[in-house]
Amino acid sequence: MAKKLAKILGVVFIVVGILGFISNPIVGAMGFFHANFMHNLVHIILGLILVMCGTEEKSSLWLKIVGVVYLLVAILGFMMTSGGMVSSILGIEINSADNWLHLVLALVVFYAGFSGGKMMTGGSQQM
């Protein structure tokens, strides 16, 4: 199940990264969620990593790693931004909306990494 979750989340990250390069009101330089070139590139790279995980174990590990990365980015973002300001973390521009999204993503992705394998085995043991 972790492999399936990693692939789904990976595709979502890739799509969001690509959308960041296209003018739209949701994500991008002028979007609700601010994203510059580096921010979009990070989404695409993390998405590719998650999509290319070969095994359940690797998928689970990478989901946990990505969850920790997003949590750290959220914490740094909350420390650096206030109101609607745009801040930069290592060249990745973020705003307050990004911080909240990164926090939620961190929790969801991290949970998927820990529960992905258990969901599948847990269901078969109950029979």
Protein backbone atom coordinates (compact mmCIF):
# COMPACT_ATOMS: atom_id res chain seq x y z
CA MET A 1 0.00 0.00 0.00
CA ALA A 2 2.91 2.40 0.69
CA LYS A 3 4.04 1.95 -2.91
CA LYS A 4 0.58 2.91 -4.19
CA LEU A 5 0.38 5.92 -1.85
CA ALA A 6 3.86 7.05 -2.90
CA LYS A 7 2.91 6.86 -6.57
CA ILE A 8 -0.34 8.80 -6.05
CA LEU A 9 1.35 11.52 -3.99
CA GLY A 10 4.28 11.60 -6.42
CA VAL A 11 1.96 12.24 -9.36
CA VAL A 12 0.21 14.99 -7.40
CA PHE A 13 3.56 16.66 -6.61
CA ILE A 14 4.61 16.46 -10.27
CA VAL A 15 1.32 17.97 -11.45
CA VAL A 16 1.55 20.78 -8.88
CA GLY A 17 5.15 21.44 -9.91
CA ILE A 18 4.17 21.69 -13.58
CA LEU A 19 1.15 23.89 -12.75
CA GLY A 20 3.51 26.27 -10.97
CA PHE A 21 5.10 27.07 -14.32
CA ILE A 22 1.71 27.89 -15.88
CA SER A 23 -0.05 31.12 -14.96
CA ASN A 24 -3.02 30.25 -12.71
CA PRO A 25 -4.60 31.60 -9.51
CA ILE A 26 -3.79 28.55 -7.35
CA VAL A 27 -0.03 27.90 -7.51
CA GLY A 28 2.77 29.96 -9.05
CA ALA A 29 4.41 33.35 -8.88
CA MET A 30 1.03 35.09 -8.67
CA GLY A 31 -0.96 32.23 -7.16
CA PHE A 32 -2.54 31.78 -3.73
CA PHE A 33 0.28 29.33 -2.99
CA HIS A 34 3.40 31.20 -4.00
CA ALA A 35 5.93 29.15 -5.95
CA ASN A 36 8.98 30.23 -7.89
CA PHE A 37 11.14 28.16 -10.26
CA MET A 38 13.03 26.41 -7.43
CA HIS A 39 9.82 25.64 -5.51
CA ASN A 40 8.26 24.07 -8.62
CA LEU A 41 11.45 22.13 -9.31
CA VAL A 42 11.47 20.70 -5.78
CA HIS A 43 7.85 19.53 -6.20
CA ILE A 44 8.75 17.79 -9.46
CA ILE A 45 11.92 16.17 -8.04
CA LEU A 46 10.15 14.89 -4.90
CA GLY A 47 7.29 13.67 -7.08
CA LEU A 48 9.66 11.77 -9.34
CA ILE A 49 11.39 10.19 -6.35
CA LEU A 50 8.05 8.99 -4.95
CA VAL A 51 6.85 7.70 -8.32
CA MET A 52 10.09 5.78 -8.92
CA CYS A 53 10.18 3.98 -5.55
CA GLY A 54 10.43 0.33 -6.48
CA THR A 55 9.38 -1.55 -3.36
CA GLU A 56 7.01 -1.17 -0.43
CA GLU A 57 9.98 -0.64 1.91
CA LYS A 58 11.57 2.07 -0.24
CA SER A 59 8.20 3.76 -0.73
CA SER A 60 7.55 3.77 3.00
CA LEU A 61 11.03 5.15 3.71
CA TRP A 62 10.73 7.91 1.09
CA LEU A 63 7.27 8.89 2.31
CA LYS A 64 8.74 9.33 5.79
CA ILE A 65 11.69 11.34 4.44
CA VAL A 66 9.44 13.61 2.37
CA GLY A 67 7.15 14.04 5.40
CA VAL A 68 10.10 15.16 7.55
CA VAL A 69 11.33 17.52 4.80
CA TYR A 70 7.90 19.15 4.51
CA LEU A 71 7.66 19.45 8.30
CA LEU A 72 11.04 21.20 8.46
CA VAL A 73 10.07 23.51 5.59
CA ALA A 74 6.79 24.34 7.35
CA ILE A 75 8.55 25.12 10.64
CA LEU A 76 11.16 27.28 8.90
CA GLY A 77 8.42 28.96 6.89
CA PHE A 78 6.38 29.83 9.98
CA MET A 79 9.51 31.30 11.56
CA MET A 80 10.35 33.39 8.48
CA THR A 81 7.00 34.63 7.13
CA SER A 82 4.32 36.78 8.62
CA GLY A 83 1.00 37.78 7.13
CA GLY A 84 1.01 37.51 3.36
CA MET A 85 4.74 38.12 2.99
CA VAL A 86 6.84 36.01 0.68
CA SER A 87 10.05 34.60 2.15
CA SER A 88 12.83 32.52 0.71
CA ILE A 89 14.32 29.33 2.14
CA LEU A 90 17.39 28.31 0.14
CA GLY A 91 15.97 30.05 -2.93
CA ILE A 92 12.53 28.47 -2.53
CA GLU A 93 9.94 31.24 -2.19
CA ILE A 94 7.00 30.59 0.12
CA ASN A 95 4.11 32.48 1.70
CA SER A 96 1.85 31.87 4.71
CA ALA A 97 -0.57 29.72 2.71
CA ASP A 98 2.38 27.51 1.69
CA ASN A 99 3.36 27.08 5.33
CA TRP A 100 -0.05 25.70 6.28
CA LEU A 101 -0.15 23.48 3.21
CA HIS A 102 3.35 22.19 3.94
CA LEU A 103 2.33 21.37 7.51
CA VAL A 104 -0.74 19.43 6.36
CA LEU A 105 1.30 17.67 3.65
CA ALA A 106 3.97 16.76 6.19
CA LEU A 107 1.41 15.08 8.43
CA VAL A 108 -0.38 13.28 5.58
CA VAL A 109 2.79 12.07 3.85
CA PHE A 110 4.47 11.07 7.12
CA TYR A 111 1.32 9.16 8.18
CA ALA A 112 1.21 7.44 4.78
CA GLY A 113 4.83 6.36 5.27
CA PHE A 114 4.10 4.79 8.64
CA SER A 115 0.70 3.30 7.90
CA GLY A 116 1.11 2.33 4.23
CA GLY A 117 2.37 -1.18 4.82
CA LYS A 118 0.20 -1.77 7.88
CA MET A 119 -3.02 -0.93 6.03
CA MET A 120 -2.54 -3.86 3.69
CA THR A 121 -1.45 -6.46 6.24
CA GLY A 122 -3.88 -5.26 8.88
CA GLY A 123 -6.88 -5.90 6.65
CA SER A 124 -5.88 -9.48 5.79
CA GLN A 125 -5.25 -10.45 9.40
CA GLN A 126 -8.80 -9.67 10.46
CA MET A 127 -10.32 -12.44 8.33
